[in-house]
């Protein structure tokens, strides 16, 4: 009903969203919090379901104890190996961070240069198509000859593999910036480096962020894979040693830590993008 002060009255019915005098729904300030709570609930629900299925398969006898450890035994192994697992995780994160940093810097710089030059794009097209599909594990013998076993080898292979999604997304993002933006910026006396930093890179930021997120996950996969094959330390070597010793629960504890690291890295990166490149999240929702 109308209010006596001339303003629109708000009608709130129990169990329904607030509506104005015309019957139109009004925004609920609690909406975003409810959405986040529901999303978190669904995510945790998925984890719980996965754990339950894991334990049911384990106790059913469909898979032998030598291939699949149960949830309680894995939890005990995790608790009793926290020190070695923390050390292994630190080694994995070190190689991951070094390789990804090299890939991110190189991919953004080279991708920007190529994206701004049709000649450079045509010149590198065949090379990109040849190098991008190369599996990183196939390059381990060459990497050992060049860098030896250790951090340099692992980080180098991570950098090689992670470079391509950053480079390709940056190249495309820079190339697809609308000429209208560039022409408008030039009328405002933005040229050279200022044009690049203030217009081109922010416009390409959503695609660059997508390339970095792909590279982030890919870098972790490559890091652990190289550690498994090359025995260079980290989570991969921890899992390999546990498997060779027949300590199946300990092996699964290492695998679980690897998964948790991946989840934490992706969640953290997502938060950084939402904080510093909010228009990237809006662009993703429109797709």
Protein backbone atom coordinates (compact mmCIF):
# COMPACT_ATOMS: atom_id res chain seq x y z
CA UNK A 1 0.00 0.00 0.00
CA UNK A 2 1.22 3.61 -0.56
CA UNK A 3 3.20 5.26 2.22
CA UNK A 4 2.15 8.56 3.79
CA UNK A 5 5.48 10.28 3.10
CA UNK A 6 5.12 10.04 -0.68
CA UNK A 7 7.72 7.34 -1.15
CA UNK A 8 7.01 3.88 -2.59
CA UNK A 9 5.98 1.41 0.03
CA UNK A 10 7.79 -1.88 0.34
CA UNK A 11 5.77 -4.99 1.01
CA UNK A 12 7.59 -7.93 2.55
CA UNK A 13 5.72 -11.23 2.63
CA UNK A 14 7.08 -13.97 4.82
CA UNK A 15 9.11 -16.43 2.75
CA UNK A 16 9.13 -14.18 -0.35
CA UNK A 17 11.41 -11.53 -1.78
CA UNK A 18 10.45 -7.90 -0.95
CA UNK A 19 8.20 -6.19 -3.52
CA UNK A 20 7.16 -2.60 -4.07
CA UNK A 21 3.61 -1.28 -4.38
CA UNK A 22 3.45 -2.37 -8.02
CA UNK A 23 4.30 -5.96 -7.14
CA UNK A 24 7.79 -5.84 -8.71
CA UNK A 25 10.55 -7.72 -6.88
CA UNK A 26 13.17 -5.56 -5.21
CA UNK A 27 16.85 -6.52 -4.85
CA UNK A 28 17.69 -8.40 -1.70
CA UNK A 29 20.91 -7.27 -0.03
CA UNK A 30 21.37 -10.78 1.31
CA UNK A 31 21.33 -12.21 -2.23
CA UNK A 32 25.11 -12.27 -2.92
CA UNK A 33 25.81 -13.84 0.47
CA UNK A 34 23.17 -16.50 -0.13
CA UNK A 35 24.61 -17.27 -3.56
CA UNK A 36 28.10 -17.67 -2.15
CA UNK A 37 26.80 -19.85 0.68
CA UNK A 38 24.88 -22.08 -1.74
CA UNK A 39 27.88 -22.36 -4.05
CA UNK A 40 30.11 -23.33 -1.14
CA UNK A 41 27.53 -25.86 0.01
CA UNK A 42 27.41 -27.47 -3.40
CA UNK A 43 31.19 -27.61 -3.60
CA UNK A 44 31.52 -29.20 -0.18
CA UNK A 45 28.69 -31.56 -1.06
CA UNK A 46 30.60 -32.73 -4.11
CA UNK A 47 33.68 -33.39 -1.98
CA UNK A 48 31.65 -35.37 0.55
CA UNK A 49 30.05 -37.46 -2.20
CA UNK A 50 33.45 -38.20 -3.72
CA UNK A 51 34.84 -39.32 -0.34
CA UNK A 52 31.83 -41.55 0.28
CA UNK A 53 32.14 -43.16 -3.16
CA UNK A 54 35.87 -43.62 -2.60
CA UNK A 55 35.27 -45.43 0.71
CA UNK A 56 32.41 -47.55 -0.69
CA UNK A 57 34.58 -48.75 -3.57
CA UNK A 58 37.40 -49.48 -1.13
CA UNK A 59 35.32 -51.58 1.27
CA UNK A 60 33.34 -53.30 -1.49
CA UNK A 61 36.36 -55.30 -2.65
CA UNK A 62 35.94 -54.22 -6.27
CA UNK A 63 39.52 -52.94 -6.13
CA UNK A 64 42.25 -54.64 -4.11
CA UNK A 65 44.00 -52.99 -1.18
CA UNK A 66 47.20 -52.97 -3.24
CA UNK A 67 45.59 -50.59 -5.73
CA UNK A 68 43.21 -48.49 -3.64
CA UNK A 69 43.66 -47.42 -0.03
CA UNK A 70 40.64 -46.64 2.11
CA UNK A 71 39.79 -43.19 3.42
CA UNK A 72 40.73 -43.94 7.10
CA UNK A 73 44.11 -45.46 6.21
CA UNK A 74 44.89 -42.57 3.86
CA UNK A 75 43.99 -40.08 6.58
CA UNK A 76 46.30 -41.86 9.05
CA UNK A 77 49.13 -41.88 6.50
CA UNK A 78 48.55 -38.19 5.85
CA UNK A 79 48.73 -37.37 9.55
CA UNK A 80 51.89 -39.44 10.12
CA UNK A 81 53.77 -37.99 7.12
CA UNK A 82 52.98 -34.30 7.47
CA UNK A 83 56.64 -33.32 7.69
CA UNK A 84 57.87 -35.16 4.57
CA UNK A 85 54.73 -34.12 2.69
CA UNK A 86 55.27 -30.45 3.57
CA UNK A 87 58.88 -30.68 2.40
CA UNK A 88 57.84 -32.40 -0.84
CA UNK A 89 55.11 -29.83 -1.45
CA UNK A 90 57.65 -27.05 -0.97
CA UNK A 91 59.92 -28.55 -3.62
CA UNK A 92 57.05 -28.91 -6.06
CA UNK A 93 55.87 -25.34 -5.48
CA UNK A 94 59.38 -23.99 -5.98
CA UNK A 95 59.80 -25.60 -9.39
CA UNK A 96 56.22 -24.68 -10.29
CA UNK A 97 56.67 -21.03 -9.34
CA UNK A 98 59.99 -20.58 -11.17
CA UNK A 99 58.74 -22.23 -14.35
CA UNK A 100 55.41 -20.43 -14.35
CA UNK A 101 57.03 -17.04 -13.70
CA UNK A 102 59.29 -17.51 -16.73
CA UNK A 103 56.36 -18.68 -18.87
CA UNK A 104 54.10 -15.82 -17.75
CA UNK A 105 56.68 -13.10 -18.37
CA UNK A 106 57.80 -14.53 -21.70
CA UNK A 107 54.28 -15.34 -22.87
CA UNK A 108 52.88 -11.88 -22.14
CA UNK A 109 55.85 -10.01 -23.64
CA UNK A 110 56.20 -12.12 -26.78
CA UNK A 111 52.44 -12.46 -27.20
CA UNK A 112 52.02 -8.69 -27.04
CA UNK A 113 54.76 -8.08 -29.59
CA UNK A 114 53.40 -10.69 -31.99
CA UNK A 115 49.80 -9.62 -31.49
CA UNK A 116 50.65 -6.05 -32.49
CA UNK A 117 52.45 -7.08 -35.69
CA UNK A 118 50.79 -8.92 -38.58
CA UNK A 119 54.23 -9.75 -40.00
CA UNK A 120 55.41 -11.29 -36.72
CA UNK A 121 52.16 -13.23 -36.39
CA UNK A 122 52.54 -14.73 -39.86
CA UNK A 123 56.22 -15.43 -39.28
CA UNK A 124 55.61 -17.37 -36.05
CA UNK A 125 52.40 -19.22 -37.01
CA UNK A 126 54.06 -22.41 -38.30
CA UNK A 127 56.57 -22.47 -35.46
CA UNK A 128 53.80 -22.24 -32.88
CA UNK A 129 51.85 -25.07 -34.50
CA UNK A 130 54.98 -27.25 -34.46
CA UNK A 131 56.19 -26.55 -30.93
CA UNK A 132 52.95 -26.31 -28.99
CA UNK A 133 51.91 -30.02 -29.28
CA UNK A 134 55.29 -31.33 -28.13
CA UNK A 135 54.82 -33.29 -24.87
CA UNK A 136 57.04 -32.02 -22.09
CA UNK A 137 57.94 -35.53 -20.89
CA UNK A 138 59.41 -36.34 -24.30
CA UNK A 139 61.87 -33.49 -23.78
CA UNK A 140 63.23 -34.83 -20.47
CA UNK A 141 66.35 -36.44 -22.05
CA UNK A 142 67.26 -33.15 -23.73
CA UNK A 143 66.53 -31.20 -20.54
CA UNK A 144 68.79 -33.53 -18.52
CA UNK A 145 71.62 -33.01 -21.00
CA UNK A 146 71.17 -29.23 -20.88
CA UNK A 147 70.42 -28.62 -17.21
CA UNK A 148 71.00 -31.90 -15.38
CA UNK A 149 68.64 -33.34 -12.80
CA UNK A 150 67.17 -30.83 -10.40
CA UNK A 151 65.27 -27.59 -10.19
CA UNK A 152 66.60 -26.11 -13.44
CA UNK A 153 65.43 -29.07 -15.50
CA UNK A 154 61.96 -29.21 -13.95
CA UNK A 155 61.44 -25.46 -14.10
CA UNK A 156 62.64 -25.36 -17.69
CA UNK A 157 60.16 -27.99 -18.82
CA UNK A 158 57.38 -26.27 -16.88
CA UNK A 159 58.26 -22.95 -18.52
CA UNK A 160 58.29 -24.50 -22.00
CA UNK A 161 54.87 -26.14 -21.59
CA UNK A 162 53.18 -23.26 -19.77
CA UNK A 163 54.47 -20.61 -22.19
CA UNK A 164 52.08 -21.56 -24.99
CA UNK A 165 48.67 -20.89 -23.41
CA UNK A 166 49.91 -17.53 -22.09
CA UNK A 167 51.47 -16.59 -25.41
CA UNK A 168 48.49 -17.66 -27.54
CA UNK A 169 45.88 -15.98 -25.34
CA UNK A 170 47.94 -12.79 -25.08
CA UNK A 171 48.53 -12.69 -28.81
CA UNK A 172 44.84 -13.12 -29.56
CA UNK A 173 43.75 -10.74 -26.80
CA UNK A 174 46.04 -7.96 -28.03
CA UNK A 175 45.13 -8.60 -31.66
CA UNK A 176 41.37 -8.40 -31.07
CA UNK A 177 41.38 -5.03 -29.28
CA UNK A 178 38.92 -2.89 -31.20
CA UNK A 179 40.41 -0.17 -33.39
CA UNK A 180 37.83 2.23 -31.95
CA UNK A 181 39.51 2.02 -28.55
CA UNK A 182 42.94 2.59 -30.03
CA UNK A 183 41.84 5.50 -32.24
CA UNK A 184 40.04 7.14 -29.31
CA UNK A 185 43.12 6.77 -27.13
CA UNK A 186 45.31 8.33 -29.80
CA UNK A 187 43.02 11.34 -30.00
CA UNK A 188 43.70 11.72 -26.27
CA UNK A 189 47.44 11.78 -27.04
CA UNK A 190 48.14 8.23 -25.86
CA UNK A 191 50.91 6.66 -27.92
CA UNK A 192 53.60 4.01 -27.61
CA UNK A 193 54.05 2.62 -24.11
CA UNK A 194 51.19 4.63 -22.62
CA UNK A 195 48.79 3.31 -25.23
CA UNK A 196 49.96 -0.24 -24.57
CA UNK A 197 49.74 -0.04 -20.77
CA UNK A 198 46.58 2.04 -20.42
CA UNK A 199 44.44 0.70 -23.27
CA UNK A 200 45.67 -2.43 -25.07
CA UNK A 201 46.74 -4.60 -22.13
CA UNK A 202 43.68 -3.79 -19.97
CA UNK A 203 41.41 -4.62 -22.92
CA UNK A 204 43.27 -7.91 -23.44
CA UNK A 205 43.42 -8.69 -19.70
CA UNK A 206 40.46 -11.13 -19.63
CA UNK A 207 42.08 -13.38 -22.24
CA UNK A 208 45.51 -13.02 -20.65
CA UNK A 209 44.01 -14.04 -17.30
CA UNK A 210 42.42 -17.11 -18.93
CA UNK A 211 45.75 -18.09 -20.44
CA UNK A 212 47.48 -17.70 -17.09
CA UNK A 213 44.88 -19.85 -15.34
CA UNK A 214 45.35 -22.61 -17.92
CA UNK A 215 49.11 -22.30 -17.55
CA UNK A 216 48.85 -22.42 -13.76
CA UNK A 217 47.15 -25.82 -13.76
CA UNK A 218 49.26 -27.14 -16.62
CA UNK A 219 52.44 -26.10 -14.83
CA UNK A 220 51.49 -28.11 -11.75
CA UNK A 221 50.67 -31.18 -13.84
CA UNK A 222 54.00 -30.97 -15.64
CA UNK A 223 55.91 -30.37 -12.40
CA UNK A 224 54.54 -33.47 -10.71
CA UNK A 225 54.87 -35.56 -13.89
CA UNK A 226 58.53 -34.64 -14.32
CA UNK A 227 59.16 -35.40 -10.65
CA UNK A 228 57.55 -38.81 -11.12
CA UNK A 229 59.63 -39.67 -14.19
CA UNK A 230 62.86 -37.91 -13.34
CA UNK A 231 62.90 -38.45 -9.59
CA UNK A 232 63.84 -34.82 -8.95
CA UNK A 233 62.06 -34.52 -5.59
CA UNK A 234 58.74 -32.97 -4.71
CA UNK A 235 55.31 -34.56 -4.54
CA UNK A 236 55.96 -36.68 -7.63
CA UNK A 237 59.01 -38.34 -6.12
CA UNK A 238 57.20 -38.79 -2.79
CA UNK A 239 54.37 -40.66 -4.54
CA UNK A 240 56.84 -42.73 -6.57
CA UNK A 241 58.84 -43.80 -3.50
CA UNK A 242 55.65 -44.74 -1.64
CA UNK A 243 54.47 -46.83 -4.59
CA UNK A 244 57.80 -48.61 -4.89
CA UNK A 245 57.74 -49.37 -1.15
CA UNK A 246 54.20 -50.76 -1.35
CA UNK A 247 52.89 -48.05 1.01
CA UNK A 248 49.60 -47.53 -0.80
CA UNK A 249 47.96 -45.27 1.83
CA UNK A 250 51.05 -43.06 1.87
CA UNK A 251 50.98 -42.91 -1.93
CA UNK A 252 47.36 -41.74 -1.84
CA UNK A 253 48.22 -39.19 0.83
CA UNK A 254 50.75 -37.68 -1.56
CA UNK A 255 48.23 -37.67 -4.41
CA UNK A 256 45.70 -35.97 -2.14
CA UNK A 257 48.18 -33.26 -1.21
CA UNK A 258 48.87 -32.67 -4.91
CA UNK A 259 45.16 -32.20 -5.53
CA UNK A 260 44.81 -29.82 -2.60
CA UNK A 261 47.72 -27.76 -3.91
CA UNK A 262 46.02 -27.48 -7.29
CA UNK A 263 42.75 -26.41 -5.69
CA UNK A 264 44.47 -23.80 -3.51
CA UNK A 265 46.44 -22.34 -6.42
CA UNK A 266 43.39 -22.05 -8.66
CA UNK A 267 41.26 -20.58 -5.89
CA UNK A 268 43.94 -18.03 -5.02
CA UNK A 269 44.44 -17.04 -8.63
CA UNK A 270 40.69 -16.64 -9.07
CA UNK A 271 40.58 -14.30 -6.08
CA UNK A 272 43.45 -12.22 -7.48
CA UNK A 273 41.72 -11.88 -10.86
CA UNK A 274 38.44 -10.87 -9.23
CA UNK A 275 40.29 -8.26 -7.18
CA UNK A 276 42.54 -6.74 -9.83
CA UNK A 277 40.80 -7.58 -13.12
CA UNK A 278 37.09 -7.56 -12.23
CA UNK A 279 36.04 -6.97 -15.83
CA UNK A 280 37.56 -10.36 -16.73
CA UNK A 281 35.00 -12.10 -14.51
CA UNK A 282 32.14 -10.14 -16.07
CA UNK A 283 33.36 -11.01 -19.56
CA UNK A 284 33.49 -14.72 -18.62
CA UNK A 285 29.89 -14.64 -17.34
CA UNK A 286 28.70 -13.18 -20.64
CA UNK A 287 30.12 -16.15 -22.61
